[in-house]
N, C-alpha and C. Protein backbone atom coordinates (compact mmCIF):
# COMPACT_ATOMS: atom_id res chain seq x y z
N MET A 1 -52.01 -8.43 -4.11
CA MET A 1 -50.80 -8.30 -4.91
C MET A 1 -49.65 -9.05 -4.22
N TYR A 2 -48.82 -9.70 -4.97
CA TYR A 2 -47.70 -10.45 -4.40
C TYR A 2 -46.37 -9.84 -4.84
N ASN A 3 -45.33 -10.18 -4.10
CA ASN A 3 -44.01 -9.62 -4.36
C ASN A 3 -43.27 -10.51 -5.36
N GLN A 4 -43.15 -10.05 -6.60
CA GLN A 4 -42.49 -10.85 -7.64
C GLN A 4 -41.01 -11.06 -7.33
N GLY A 5 -40.38 -10.08 -6.72
CA GLY A 5 -38.97 -10.22 -6.37
C GLY A 5 -38.74 -11.34 -5.37
N HIS A 6 -39.62 -11.44 -4.40
CA HIS A 6 -39.52 -12.51 -3.39
C HIS A 6 -39.77 -13.86 -4.04
N GLU A 7 -40.76 -13.94 -4.91
CA GLU A 7 -41.06 -15.20 -5.60
C GLU A 7 -39.90 -15.61 -6.51
N ALA A 8 -39.33 -14.67 -7.20
CA ALA A 8 -38.18 -14.97 -8.07
C ALA A 8 -36.99 -15.45 -7.24
N GLN A 9 -36.77 -14.84 -6.08
CA GLN A 9 -35.67 -15.25 -5.21
C GLN A 9 -35.88 -16.67 -4.71
N GLN A 10 -37.11 -17.03 -4.39
CA GLN A 10 -37.41 -18.39 -3.95
C GLN A 10 -37.12 -19.41 -5.05
N VAL A 11 -37.49 -19.07 -6.29
CA VAL A 11 -37.22 -19.96 -7.42
C VAL A 11 -35.72 -20.11 -7.60
N LEU A 12 -34.99 -19.00 -7.54
CA LEU A 12 -33.54 -19.05 -7.68
C LEU A 12 -32.92 -19.90 -6.57
N ASN A 13 -33.38 -19.73 -5.35
CA ASN A 13 -32.84 -20.52 -4.23
C ASN A 13 -33.08 -22.01 -4.44
N GLU A 14 -34.25 -22.36 -4.93
CA GLU A 14 -34.54 -23.77 -5.20
C GLU A 14 -33.63 -24.33 -6.29
N LEU A 15 -33.41 -23.55 -7.33
CA LEU A 15 -32.52 -23.99 -8.41
C LEU A 15 -31.09 -24.17 -7.90
N LEU A 16 -30.63 -23.24 -7.08
CA LEU A 16 -29.27 -23.33 -6.54
C LEU A 16 -29.12 -24.54 -5.62
N GLN A 17 -30.15 -24.84 -4.85
CA GLN A 17 -30.09 -25.99 -3.96
C GLN A 17 -29.99 -27.30 -4.73
N LYS A 18 -30.61 -27.34 -5.91
CA LYS A 18 -30.61 -28.56 -6.72
C LYS A 18 -29.37 -28.69 -7.61
N MET A 19 -28.66 -27.57 -7.79
CA MET A 19 -27.50 -27.55 -8.69
C MET A 19 -26.34 -28.35 -8.09
N PRO A 20 -25.68 -29.17 -8.92
CA PRO A 20 -24.51 -29.91 -8.42
C PRO A 20 -23.40 -28.95 -7.95
N VAL A 21 -22.69 -29.36 -6.92
CA VAL A 21 -21.63 -28.53 -6.35
C VAL A 21 -20.60 -28.15 -7.41
N GLU A 22 -20.24 -29.08 -8.28
CA GLU A 22 -19.23 -28.80 -9.31
C GLU A 22 -19.66 -27.63 -10.20
N ARG A 23 -20.95 -27.58 -10.53
CA ARG A 23 -21.44 -26.49 -11.38
C ARG A 23 -21.40 -25.17 -10.62
N LYS A 24 -21.76 -25.18 -9.34
CA LYS A 24 -21.70 -23.96 -8.53
C LYS A 24 -20.27 -23.43 -8.49
N ILE A 25 -19.32 -24.34 -8.30
CA ILE A 25 -17.91 -23.93 -8.23
C ILE A 25 -17.47 -23.33 -9.56
N ARG A 26 -17.86 -23.97 -10.67
CA ARG A 26 -17.50 -23.41 -11.99
C ARG A 26 -18.08 -22.01 -12.17
N GLN A 27 -19.30 -21.81 -11.70
CA GLN A 27 -19.92 -20.48 -11.83
C GLN A 27 -19.19 -19.44 -10.98
N VAL A 28 -18.76 -19.82 -9.80
CA VAL A 28 -18.00 -18.89 -8.95
C VAL A 28 -16.69 -18.51 -9.63
N PHE A 29 -15.96 -19.51 -10.15
CA PHE A 29 -14.69 -19.21 -10.83
C PHE A 29 -14.91 -18.36 -12.07
N SER A 30 -15.98 -18.62 -12.79
CA SER A 30 -16.29 -17.84 -13.99
C SER A 30 -16.60 -16.38 -13.62
N ALA A 31 -17.39 -16.18 -12.58
CA ALA A 31 -17.70 -14.83 -12.14
C ALA A 31 -16.44 -14.10 -11.67
N TYR A 32 -15.56 -14.81 -10.97
CA TYR A 32 -14.30 -14.21 -10.52
C TYR A 32 -13.45 -13.78 -11.72
N ALA A 33 -13.35 -14.67 -12.71
CA ALA A 33 -12.56 -14.35 -13.91
C ALA A 33 -13.14 -13.14 -14.64
N THR A 34 -14.45 -13.07 -14.73
CA THR A 34 -15.10 -11.93 -15.38
C THR A 34 -14.80 -10.64 -14.62
N GLY A 35 -14.89 -10.70 -13.31
CA GLY A 35 -14.57 -9.52 -12.49
C GLY A 35 -13.13 -9.07 -12.67
N ARG A 36 -12.22 -10.05 -12.71
CA ARG A 36 -10.80 -9.73 -12.92
C ARG A 36 -10.59 -9.08 -14.28
N GLU A 37 -11.23 -9.62 -15.31
CA GLU A 37 -11.09 -9.05 -16.66
C GLU A 37 -11.62 -7.62 -16.71
N LEU A 38 -12.75 -7.37 -16.05
CA LEU A 38 -13.30 -6.01 -16.01
C LEU A 38 -12.37 -5.07 -15.26
N ALA A 39 -11.81 -5.53 -14.15
CA ALA A 39 -10.88 -4.70 -13.38
C ALA A 39 -9.64 -4.38 -14.21
N ILE A 40 -9.11 -5.37 -14.90
CA ILE A 40 -7.92 -5.15 -15.74
C ILE A 40 -8.23 -4.21 -16.88
N ALA A 41 -9.42 -4.32 -17.47
CA ALA A 41 -9.80 -3.40 -18.55
C ALA A 41 -9.84 -1.96 -18.03
N GLY A 42 -10.35 -1.77 -16.82
CA GLY A 42 -10.37 -0.44 -16.23
C GLY A 42 -8.97 0.08 -15.97
N ILE A 43 -8.08 -0.78 -15.50
CA ILE A 43 -6.69 -0.38 -15.26
C ILE A 43 -6.02 0.00 -16.57
N ARG A 44 -6.24 -0.81 -17.61
CA ARG A 44 -5.65 -0.49 -18.93
C ARG A 44 -6.16 0.86 -19.44
N GLN A 45 -7.42 1.15 -19.19
CA GLN A 45 -7.99 2.42 -19.64
C GLN A 45 -7.34 3.59 -18.89
N ARG A 46 -7.07 3.41 -17.60
CA ARG A 46 -6.45 4.48 -16.81
C ARG A 46 -4.95 4.58 -17.01
N HIS A 47 -4.32 3.48 -17.49
CA HIS A 47 -2.86 3.44 -17.68
C HIS A 47 -2.55 2.87 -19.06
N PRO A 48 -2.87 3.60 -20.13
CA PRO A 48 -2.73 3.05 -21.49
C PRO A 48 -1.29 2.73 -21.89
N GLN A 49 -0.31 3.34 -21.25
CA GLN A 49 1.09 3.10 -21.61
C GLN A 49 1.73 1.97 -20.79
N ALA A 50 1.01 1.42 -19.84
CA ALA A 50 1.58 0.41 -18.95
C ALA A 50 1.78 -0.92 -19.68
N SER A 51 2.85 -1.61 -19.32
CA SER A 51 3.12 -2.94 -19.89
C SER A 51 2.17 -3.96 -19.26
N ASP A 52 2.13 -5.15 -19.85
CA ASP A 52 1.30 -6.23 -19.28
C ASP A 52 1.71 -6.53 -17.84
N SER A 53 3.01 -6.53 -17.59
CA SER A 53 3.51 -6.79 -16.24
C SER A 53 3.04 -5.70 -15.27
N GLN A 54 3.14 -4.46 -15.67
CA GLN A 54 2.69 -3.37 -14.82
C GLN A 54 1.18 -3.45 -14.57
N ILE A 55 0.43 -3.78 -15.61
CA ILE A 55 -1.02 -3.93 -15.47
C ILE A 55 -1.32 -5.00 -14.44
N TRP A 56 -0.63 -6.15 -14.54
CA TRP A 56 -0.87 -7.23 -13.58
C TRP A 56 -0.55 -6.78 -12.17
N HIS A 57 0.57 -6.08 -11.99
CA HIS A 57 0.94 -5.60 -10.66
C HIS A 57 -0.07 -4.57 -10.13
N LEU A 58 -0.56 -3.70 -11.00
CA LEU A 58 -1.58 -2.74 -10.57
C LEU A 58 -2.87 -3.45 -10.16
N TRP A 59 -3.23 -4.48 -10.93
CA TRP A 59 -4.42 -5.27 -10.56
C TRP A 59 -4.19 -5.97 -9.22
N ALA A 60 -3.04 -6.58 -9.02
CA ALA A 60 -2.75 -7.29 -7.78
C ALA A 60 -2.79 -6.32 -6.60
N GLN A 61 -2.28 -5.11 -6.80
CA GLN A 61 -2.30 -4.12 -5.72
C GLN A 61 -3.74 -3.75 -5.39
N GLN A 62 -4.55 -3.57 -6.41
CA GLN A 62 -5.96 -3.24 -6.20
C GLN A 62 -6.68 -4.41 -5.52
N HIS A 63 -6.37 -5.60 -5.94
CA HIS A 63 -7.03 -6.80 -5.44
C HIS A 63 -6.62 -7.12 -4.00
N LEU A 64 -5.35 -7.01 -3.70
CA LEU A 64 -4.84 -7.37 -2.38
C LEU A 64 -4.91 -6.23 -1.38
N GLY A 65 -4.91 -5.01 -1.90
CA GLY A 65 -4.78 -3.84 -1.04
C GLY A 65 -3.32 -3.48 -0.94
N PRO A 66 -3.02 -2.20 -0.74
CA PRO A 66 -1.62 -1.74 -0.75
C PRO A 66 -0.72 -2.42 0.27
N SER A 67 -1.21 -2.61 1.48
CA SER A 67 -0.36 -3.16 2.54
C SER A 67 0.06 -4.61 2.25
N LEU A 68 -0.90 -5.46 1.93
CA LEU A 68 -0.58 -6.86 1.64
C LEU A 68 0.25 -6.96 0.36
N PHE A 69 -0.07 -6.12 -0.64
CA PHE A 69 0.71 -6.14 -1.87
C PHE A 69 2.18 -5.87 -1.60
N ARG A 70 2.47 -4.83 -0.79
CA ARG A 70 3.86 -4.50 -0.48
C ARG A 70 4.56 -5.64 0.25
N LYS A 71 3.84 -6.31 1.16
CA LYS A 71 4.44 -7.44 1.87
C LYS A 71 4.78 -8.58 0.92
N VAL A 72 3.95 -8.80 -0.08
CA VAL A 72 4.14 -9.93 -0.99
C VAL A 72 5.08 -9.58 -2.14
N TYR A 73 4.91 -8.41 -2.75
CA TYR A 73 5.63 -8.07 -3.99
C TYR A 73 6.60 -6.90 -3.88
N GLY A 74 6.53 -6.12 -2.85
CA GLY A 74 7.37 -4.93 -2.79
C GLY A 74 6.74 -3.82 -3.62
N LYS A 75 7.58 -3.09 -4.36
CA LYS A 75 7.08 -2.00 -5.18
C LYS A 75 6.63 -2.49 -6.55
N ILE A 76 5.78 -1.69 -7.20
CA ILE A 76 5.37 -1.99 -8.58
C ILE A 76 6.55 -1.66 -9.49
N PRO A 77 6.96 -2.61 -10.34
CA PRO A 77 8.08 -2.33 -11.24
C PRO A 77 7.75 -1.20 -12.23
N ARG A 78 8.74 -0.40 -12.55
CA ARG A 78 8.58 0.75 -13.46
C ARG A 78 9.31 0.51 -14.77
N GLU A 79 9.13 -0.60 -15.37
CA GLU A 79 9.85 -1.02 -16.58
C GLU A 79 10.29 0.09 -17.47
């Protein structure tokens, strides 16, 4: 019996090695954008009354972490 997971990983690795760098970069940016959209959807669900600006600031705080967020932006605006 052979390990299908290992064989599938080898095939994926070969495909990735052959893929042009530009396509890999596009896929990374696409995955990042999808993750951001999912995170923002979760924030909107938890804060249904928040404005778009507040949602963005909440996402940035989650993304950067509280300490770096405060250094960059200060407090979250309470429109």
